[in-house]
Amino acid sequence: MACGSTSLWAGEATWFCCGNAWGSCGSAGTGACGTCQSGKNMAAWPNLSAACWDITRPDLCGEGMPRRTCGAVMNVRHQCSGATVCVTLADCGPRTKSFCGEAACCNGACRTNRVIDLTPSAFTAIGSLSSGKLPVYIYE
């Protein structure tokens, strides 16, 4: 399945480590799907399963995100630079409810609430790890 261009969601993207040690990441677990690797273009989604939803609770921040499961692919586009990366869902996250209202902005345009976590490989394809978070659009 290839990444598409149908708009799905918008918000903040952050990054996380999973799998074997890679770049700035030490060795970590392979995520809810058992396949997550920091060196691959992968992501965590807050509504990967009912159990995941119970942990991340994006609805508490006003985000009624659709369910997407392990192996689903998404195209993530940096709001300002237009850079894109195609990712495969491999974990549950981010814990959206812990960051309600947090914003990532560029050129005066902001996106709020953490709605997707990217592996370092995926994050660096569209931005700098040192930024920590990016405003993004998500397509499928």
N, C-alpha and C. Protein backbone atom coordinates (compact mmCIF):
# COMPACT_ATOMS: atom_id res chain seq x y z
N MET A 1 0.84 -1.18 0.00
CA MET A 1 0.00 0.00 0.00
C MET A 1 0.89 1.24 0.00
N ALA A 2 0.60 2.17 -0.88
CA ALA A 2 1.40 3.38 -1.00
C ALA A 2 0.76 4.53 -0.24
N CYS A 3 1.57 5.51 0.08
CA CYS A 3 1.06 6.71 0.73
C CYS A 3 0.20 7.49 -0.25
N GLY A 4 -0.88 8.04 0.24
CA GLY A 4 -1.81 8.76 -0.61
C GLY A 4 -1.81 10.25 -0.37
N SER A 5 -2.82 10.90 -0.94
CA SER A 5 -2.91 12.35 -0.84
C SER A 5 -4.27 12.81 -0.29
N THR A 6 -5.03 11.87 0.28
CA THR A 6 -6.31 12.23 0.88
C THR A 6 -6.08 12.76 2.29
N SER A 7 -6.53 13.97 2.55
CA SER A 7 -6.31 14.59 3.86
C SER A 7 -6.93 13.74 4.98
N LEU A 8 -6.17 13.50 6.03
CA LEU A 8 -6.65 12.73 7.18
C LEU A 8 -6.70 13.57 8.45
N TRP A 9 -5.59 14.27 8.79
CA TRP A 9 -5.52 14.99 10.05
C TRP A 9 -4.44 16.05 9.98
N ALA A 10 -4.38 16.90 10.99
CA ALA A 10 -3.32 17.90 11.12
C ALA A 10 -3.03 18.10 12.60
N GLY A 11 -1.82 18.44 12.93
CA GLY A 11 -1.43 18.68 14.32
C GLY A 11 0.07 18.74 14.45
N GLU A 12 0.54 18.39 15.64
CA GLU A 12 1.98 18.37 15.91
C GLU A 12 2.54 16.98 15.71
N ALA A 13 3.74 16.93 15.16
CA ALA A 13 4.51 15.69 15.10
C ALA A 13 5.69 15.84 16.06
N THR A 14 5.96 14.79 16.81
CA THR A 14 7.14 14.71 17.68
C THR A 14 7.89 13.45 17.27
N TRP A 15 9.01 13.16 17.96
CA TRP A 15 9.75 11.95 17.61
C TRP A 15 10.01 11.09 18.83
N PHE A 16 10.26 9.81 18.57
CA PHE A 16 10.48 8.83 19.64
C PHE A 16 11.43 7.74 19.14
N CYS A 17 12.00 7.00 20.07
CA CYS A 17 12.93 5.92 19.74
C CYS A 17 12.26 4.56 19.90
N CYS A 18 12.62 3.63 19.03
CA CYS A 18 12.12 2.26 19.14
C CYS A 18 13.10 1.32 18.45
N GLY A 19 13.09 0.06 18.86
CA GLY A 19 13.93 -0.95 18.22
C GLY A 19 15.39 -0.84 18.56
N ASN A 20 16.23 -1.22 17.61
CA ASN A 20 17.69 -1.22 17.80
C ASN A 20 18.22 0.20 17.96
N ALA A 21 19.38 0.32 18.60
CA ALA A 21 20.05 1.61 18.74
C ALA A 21 20.29 2.18 17.35
N TRP A 22 20.02 3.48 17.19
CA TRP A 22 20.19 4.15 15.90
C TRP A 22 20.35 5.63 16.13
N GLY A 23 21.35 6.24 15.58
CA GLY A 23 21.56 7.68 15.73
C GLY A 23 21.57 8.09 17.18
N SER A 24 20.68 9.01 17.53
CA SER A 24 20.62 9.52 18.90
C SER A 24 19.84 8.59 19.83
N CYS A 25 19.34 7.47 19.33
CA CYS A 25 18.52 6.55 20.12
C CYS A 25 19.32 5.36 20.64
N GLY A 26 19.09 5.02 21.89
CA GLY A 26 19.59 3.77 22.42
C GLY A 26 18.63 2.67 22.03
N SER A 27 18.92 1.47 22.41
CA SER A 27 18.03 0.35 22.13
C SER A 27 16.74 0.51 22.93
N ALA A 28 15.60 0.23 22.29
CA ALA A 28 14.29 0.36 22.94
C ALA A 28 13.38 -0.75 22.43
N GLY A 29 12.22 -0.88 23.00
CA GLY A 29 11.26 -1.88 22.57
C GLY A 29 10.79 -1.64 21.14
N THR A 30 10.15 -2.63 20.56
CA THR A 30 9.72 -2.54 19.16
C THR A 30 8.27 -2.10 19.00
N GLY A 31 7.69 -1.53 20.03
CA GLY A 31 6.37 -0.92 19.94
C GLY A 31 5.21 -1.89 19.98
N ALA A 32 4.02 -1.35 19.93
CA ALA A 32 2.79 -2.12 20.05
C ALA A 32 2.63 -3.15 18.93
N CYS A 33 3.20 -2.87 17.77
CA CYS A 33 3.07 -3.78 16.63
C CYS A 33 4.22 -4.78 16.56
N GLY A 34 5.27 -4.56 17.36
CA GLY A 34 6.42 -5.46 17.37
C GLY A 34 7.37 -5.28 16.21
N THR A 35 7.20 -4.21 15.44
CA THR A 35 8.02 -4.00 14.24
C THR A 35 8.77 -2.68 14.23
N CYS A 36 8.57 -1.83 15.20
CA CYS A 36 9.10 -0.46 15.17
C CYS A 36 10.63 -0.44 15.24
N GLN A 37 11.23 0.37 14.37
CA GLN A 37 12.68 0.56 14.31
C GLN A 37 12.98 2.03 14.07
N SER A 38 13.83 2.64 14.91
CA SER A 38 14.18 4.05 14.79
C SER A 38 14.77 4.41 13.44
N GLY A 39 15.49 3.48 12.82
CA GLY A 39 16.16 3.73 11.55
C GLY A 39 15.27 3.57 10.32
N LYS A 40 13.98 3.31 10.52
CA LYS A 40 13.04 3.18 9.41
C LYS A 40 11.98 4.27 9.53
N ASN A 41 11.32 4.57 8.42
CA ASN A 41 10.28 5.60 8.43
C ASN A 41 8.99 5.01 8.98
N MET A 42 8.85 5.14 10.29
CA MET A 42 7.72 4.57 11.01
C MET A 42 7.10 5.63 11.92
N ALA A 43 5.92 5.29 12.47
CA ALA A 43 5.22 6.27 13.30
C ALA A 43 4.36 5.58 14.34
N ALA A 44 3.96 6.36 15.34
CA ALA A 44 3.01 5.94 16.36
C ALA A 44 1.76 6.78 16.19
N TRP A 45 0.58 6.15 16.32
CA TRP A 45 -0.72 6.81 16.12
C TRP A 45 -1.55 6.65 17.38
N PRO A 46 -2.22 7.70 17.86
CA PRO A 46 -2.98 7.65 19.12
C PRO A 46 -4.21 6.73 19.10
N ASN A 47 -4.70 6.38 17.93
CA ASN A 47 -5.88 5.51 17.85
C ASN A 47 -5.54 4.24 17.07
N LEU A 48 -4.47 3.57 17.50
CA LEU A 48 -4.02 2.32 16.88
C LEU A 48 -4.92 1.16 17.28
N SER A 49 -5.52 1.26 18.46
CA SER A 49 -6.41 0.22 18.99
C SER A 49 -7.23 0.84 20.13
N ALA A 50 -8.20 0.09 20.63
CA ALA A 50 -8.99 0.58 21.76
C ALA A 50 -8.11 0.76 23.00
N ALA A 51 -7.18 -0.17 23.21
CA ALA A 51 -6.27 -0.07 24.36
C ALA A 51 -5.37 1.16 24.23
N CYS A 52 -4.92 1.43 23.03
CA CYS A 52 -4.08 2.60 22.77
C CYS A 52 -4.88 3.88 23.05
N TRP A 53 -6.10 3.94 22.55
CA TRP A 53 -6.97 5.10 22.76
C TRP A 53 -7.14 5.38 24.24
N ASP A 54 -7.30 4.34 25.04
CA ASP A 54 -7.48 4.51 26.48
C ASP A 54 -6.28 5.16 27.15
N ILE A 55 -5.10 4.99 26.56
CA ILE A 55 -3.87 5.57 27.09
C ILE A 55 -3.65 7.00 26.57
N THR A 56 -3.85 7.20 25.29
CA THR A 56 -3.51 8.49 24.65
C THR A 56 -4.60 9.54 24.77
N ARG A 57 -5.85 9.14 24.74
CA ARG A 57 -7.05 9.98 24.89
C ARG A 57 -6.98 11.33 24.16
N PRO A 58 -6.76 11.31 22.85
CA PRO A 58 -6.75 12.58 22.11
C PRO A 58 -8.09 13.30 22.16
N ASP A 59 -9.16 12.58 22.45
CA ASP A 59 -10.49 13.21 22.55
C ASP A 59 -10.54 14.25 23.66
N LEU A 60 -9.70 14.08 24.69
CA LEU A 60 -9.67 15.05 25.79
C LEU A 60 -9.08 16.39 25.34
N CYS A 61 -8.44 16.40 24.17
CA CYS A 61 -7.89 17.63 23.59
C CYS A 61 -8.72 18.07 22.38
N GLY A 62 -9.88 17.43 22.19
CA GLY A 62 -10.74 17.78 21.07
C GLY A 62 -10.40 17.09 19.76
N GLU A 63 -9.57 16.06 19.83
CA GLU A 63 -9.15 15.33 18.64
C GLU A 63 -9.91 14.00 18.53
N GLY A 64 -10.87 13.91 17.64
CA GLY A 64 -11.63 12.67 17.42
C GLY A 64 -11.03 11.86 16.30
N MET A 65 -9.81 11.43 16.47
CA MET A 65 -9.02 10.80 15.41
C MET A 65 -9.55 9.43 15.00
N PRO A 66 -9.48 9.11 13.71
CA PRO A 66 -9.94 7.81 13.24
C PRO A 66 -8.97 6.69 13.63
N ARG A 67 -9.49 5.49 13.74
CA ARG A 67 -8.66 4.32 14.03
C ARG A 67 -7.88 3.93 12.79
N ARG A 68 -6.59 3.74 12.95
CA ARG A 68 -5.71 3.18 11.93
C ARG A 68 -4.85 2.16 12.64
N THR A 69 -4.59 1.03 12.04
CA THR A 69 -3.94 -0.08 12.73
C THR A 69 -2.51 -0.34 12.22
N CYS A 70 -1.85 -1.28 12.87
CA CYS A 70 -0.48 -1.66 12.52
C CYS A 70 -0.36 -1.90 11.02
N GLY A 71 0.68 -1.31 10.43
CA GLY A 71 0.95 -1.50 9.01
C GLY A 71 0.30 -0.47 8.10
N ALA A 72 -0.64 0.33 8.61
CA ALA A 72 -1.23 1.40 7.79
C ALA A 72 -0.14 2.39 7.42
N VAL A 73 -0.27 3.00 6.25
CA VAL A 73 0.73 3.98 5.82
C VAL A 73 0.10 5.37 5.74
N MET A 74 0.91 6.36 6.04
CA MET A 74 0.48 7.76 6.01
C MET A 74 1.59 8.60 5.42
N ASN A 75 1.20 9.67 4.79
CA ASN A 75 2.14 10.64 4.26
C ASN A 75 2.09 11.84 5.20
N VAL A 76 3.22 12.20 5.77
CA VAL A 76 3.29 13.32 6.72
C VAL A 76 4.04 14.47 6.04
N ARG A 77 3.40 15.64 6.01
CA ARG A 77 3.97 16.81 5.33
C ARG A 77 4.18 17.95 6.32
N HIS A 78 5.42 18.44 6.36
CA HIS A 78 5.74 19.61 7.19
C HIS A 78 4.94 20.79 6.66
N GLN A 79 4.21 21.45 7.54
CA GLN A 79 3.32 22.54 7.17
C GLN A 79 4.04 23.68 6.45
N CYS A 80 5.27 23.96 6.83
CA CYS A 80 5.95 25.14 6.30
C CYS A 80 6.90 24.85 5.15
N SER A 81 7.69 23.79 5.27
CA SER A 81 8.66 23.51 4.21
C SER A 81 8.04 22.70 3.07
N GLY A 82 6.96 21.97 3.36
CA GLY A 82 6.35 21.12 2.36
C GLY A 82 7.03 19.77 2.22
N ALA A 83 8.11 19.55 2.98
CA ALA A 83 8.80 18.25 2.92
C ALA A 83 7.86 17.15 3.39
N THR A 84 7.91 16.00 2.75
CA THR A 84 7.04 14.89 3.10
C THR A 84 7.82 13.62 3.36
N VAL A 85 7.20 12.72 4.13
CA VAL A 85 7.76 11.40 4.38
C VAL A 85 6.59 10.42 4.49
N CYS A 86 6.77 9.26 3.89
CA CYS A 86 5.78 8.19 3.97
C CYS A 86 6.17 7.29 5.14
N VAL A 87 5.24 7.07 6.08
CA VAL A 87 5.53 6.27 7.27
C VAL A 87 4.56 5.09 7.38
N THR A 88 5.01 4.07 8.09
CA THR A 88 4.19 2.91 8.41
C THR A 88 3.90 2.93 9.89
N LEU A 89 2.65 2.74 10.29
CA LEU A 89 2.30 2.73 11.72
C LEU A 89 2.85 1.47 12.38
N ALA A 90 3.57 1.67 13.49
CA ALA A 90 4.22 0.58 14.18
C ALA A 90 4.11 0.66 15.69
N ASP A 91 3.41 1.68 16.22
CA ASP A 91 3.31 1.82 17.67
C ASP A 91 2.11 2.68 18.03
N CYS A 92 1.82 2.69 19.31
CA CYS A 92 0.77 3.50 19.92
C CYS A 92 1.41 4.77 20.47
N GLY A 93 0.81 5.91 20.22
CA GLY A 93 1.32 7.16 20.76
C GLY A 93 1.02 8.29 19.80
N PRO A 94 1.36 9.51 20.11
CA PRO A 94 1.84 9.98 21.41
C PRO A 94 0.70 10.06 22.43
N ARG A 95 1.07 10.32 23.66
CA ARG A 95 0.07 10.45 24.73
C ARG A 95 -0.52 11.86 24.65
N THR A 96 -1.39 12.04 23.67
CA THR A 96 -1.94 13.36 23.33
C THR A 96 -2.50 14.09 24.54
N LYS A 97 -3.22 13.39 25.41
CA LYS A 97 -3.89 14.04 26.55
C LYS A 97 -2.93 14.79 27.46
N SER A 98 -1.66 14.43 27.45
CA SER A 98 -0.67 15.08 28.31
C SER A 98 -0.17 16.40 27.74
N PHE A 99 -0.55 16.72 26.49
CA PHE A 99 -0.01 17.92 25.83
C PHE A 99 -1.11 18.75 25.17
N CYS A 100 -2.33 18.73 25.72
CA CYS A 100 -3.44 19.50 25.14
C CYS A 100 -3.05 20.97 25.00
N GLY A 101 -3.29 21.51 23.82
CA GLY A 101 -3.04 22.93 23.59
C GLY A 101 -1.61 23.27 23.21
N GLU A 102 -0.68 22.35 23.35
CA GLU A 102 0.70 22.61 22.94
C GLU A 102 0.70 22.93 21.44
N ALA A 103 1.52 23.88 21.03
CA ALA A 103 1.52 24.31 19.63
C ALA A 103 2.90 24.26 19.01
N ALA A 104 2.94 23.93 17.72
CA ALA A 104 4.15 24.04 16.90
C ALA A 104 3.79 25.00 15.77
N CYS A 105 4.62 26.03 15.57
CA CYS A 105 4.28 27.09 14.62
C CYS A 105 5.43 27.38 13.67
N CYS A 106 5.07 27.93 12.53
CA CYS A 106 6.05 28.50 11.61
C CYS A 106 5.33 29.51 10.74
N ASN A 107 5.99 30.60 10.45
CA ASN A 107 5.43 31.67 9.63
C ASN A 107 4.06 32.13 10.14
N GLY A 108 3.87 32.11 11.45
CA GLY A 108 2.63 32.58 12.05
C GLY A 108 1.47 31.60 12.00
N ALA A 109 1.67 30.43 11.42
CA ALA A 109 0.62 29.41 11.36
C ALA A 109 0.98 28.28 12.33
N CYS A 110 0.02 27.89 13.15
CA CYS A 110 0.29 26.89 14.19
C CYS A 110 -0.60 25.66 14.03
N ARG A 111 -0.12 24.53 14.53
CA ARG A 111 -0.89 23.30 14.68
C ARG A 111 -0.78 22.94 16.16
N THR A 112 -1.87 22.46 16.72
CA THR A 112 -1.86 22.12 18.14
C THR A 112 -2.10 20.63 18.36
N ASN A 113 -1.69 20.18 19.52
CA ASN A 113 -1.87 18.82 20.03
C ASN A 113 -0.99 17.80 19.29
N ARG A 114 -0.30 17.01 20.06
CA ARG A 114 0.55 15.96 19.50
C ARG A 114 -0.34 14.87 18.93
N VAL A 115 -0.28 14.68 17.62
CA VAL A 115 -1.15 13.71 16.97
C VAL A 115 -0.40 12.56 16.30
N ILE A 116 0.91 12.67 16.17
CA ILE A 116 1.69 11.58 15.59
C ILE A 116 3.12 11.69 16.11
N ASP A 117 3.70 10.52 16.41
CA ASP A 117 5.12 10.42 16.77
C ASP A 117 5.83 9.77 15.59
N LEU A 118 6.96 10.33 15.19
CA LEU A 118 7.75 9.77 14.11
C LEU A 118 9.06 9.21 14.64
N THR A 119 9.55 8.17 14.01
CA THR A 119 10.88 7.68 14.36
C THR A 119 11.89 8.75 13.94
N PRO A 120 13.11 8.72 14.49
CA PRO A 120 14.11 9.72 14.10
C PRO A 120 14.36 9.73 12.59
N SER A 121 14.36 8.57 11.96
CA SER A 121 14.56 8.50 10.52
C SER A 121 13.48 9.29 9.79
N ALA A 122 12.22 9.08 10.16
CA ALA A 122 11.11 9.78 9.51
C ALA A 122 11.12 11.28 9.85
N PHE A 123 11.39 11.61 11.11
CA PHE A 123 11.37 13.02 11.53
C PHE A 123 12.44 13.82 10.78
N THR A 124 13.64 13.26 10.65
CA THR A 124 14.72 13.99 9.98
C THR A 124 14.50 14.11 8.48
N ALA A 125 13.59 13.33 7.93
CA ALA A 125 13.26 13.47 6.52
C ALA A 125 12.48 14.76 6.25
N ILE A 126 11.84 15.31 7.28
CA ILE A 126 11.06 16.53 7.09
C ILE A 126 11.49 17.69 7.99
N GLY A 127 12.34 17.43 8.98
CA GLY A 127 12.76 18.49 9.89
C GLY A 127 13.98 18.08 10.70
N SER A 128 14.36 18.92 11.63
CA SER A 128 15.52 18.67 12.48
C SER A 128 15.09 18.10 13.83
N LEU A 129 15.77 17.05 14.27
CA LEU A 129 15.45 16.46 15.58
C LEU A 129 15.53 17.50 16.69
N SER A 130 16.43 18.46 16.56
CA SER A 130 16.60 19.46 17.61
C SER A 130 15.37 20.35 17.78
N SER A 131 14.52 20.42 16.77
CA SER A 131 13.29 21.23 16.90
C SER A 131 12.30 20.55 17.85
N GLY A 132 12.35 19.22 17.94
CA GLY A 132 11.50 18.49 18.87
C GLY A 132 10.08 18.26 18.42
N LYS A 133 9.51 19.23 17.73
CA LYS A 133 8.13 19.09 17.25
C LYS A 133 7.96 19.92 15.99
N LEU A 134 7.03 19.47 15.14
CA LEU A 134 6.77 20.13 13.88
C LEU A 134 5.28 20.25 13.62
N PRO A 135 4.82 21.31 12.97
CA PRO A 135 3.42 21.37 12.55
C PRO A 135 3.29 20.56 11.25
N VAL A 136 2.33 19.64 11.22
CA VAL A 136 2.23 18.75 10.05
C VAL A 136 0.78 18.55 9.60
N TYR A 137 0.68 18.13 8.35
CA TYR A 137 -0.56 17.64 7.76
C TYR A 137 -0.34 16.15 7.50
N ILE A 138 -1.37 15.34 7.70
CA ILE A 138 -1.26 13.91 7.51
C ILE A 138 -2.26 13.47 6.45
N TYR A 139 -1.78 12.67 5.52
CA TYR A 139 -2.58 12.17 4.40
C TYR A 139 -2.51 10.65 4.36
N GLU A 140 -3.53 10.06 3.69
CA GLU A 140 -3.47 8.60 3.49
C GLU A 140 -3.97 8.28 2.09
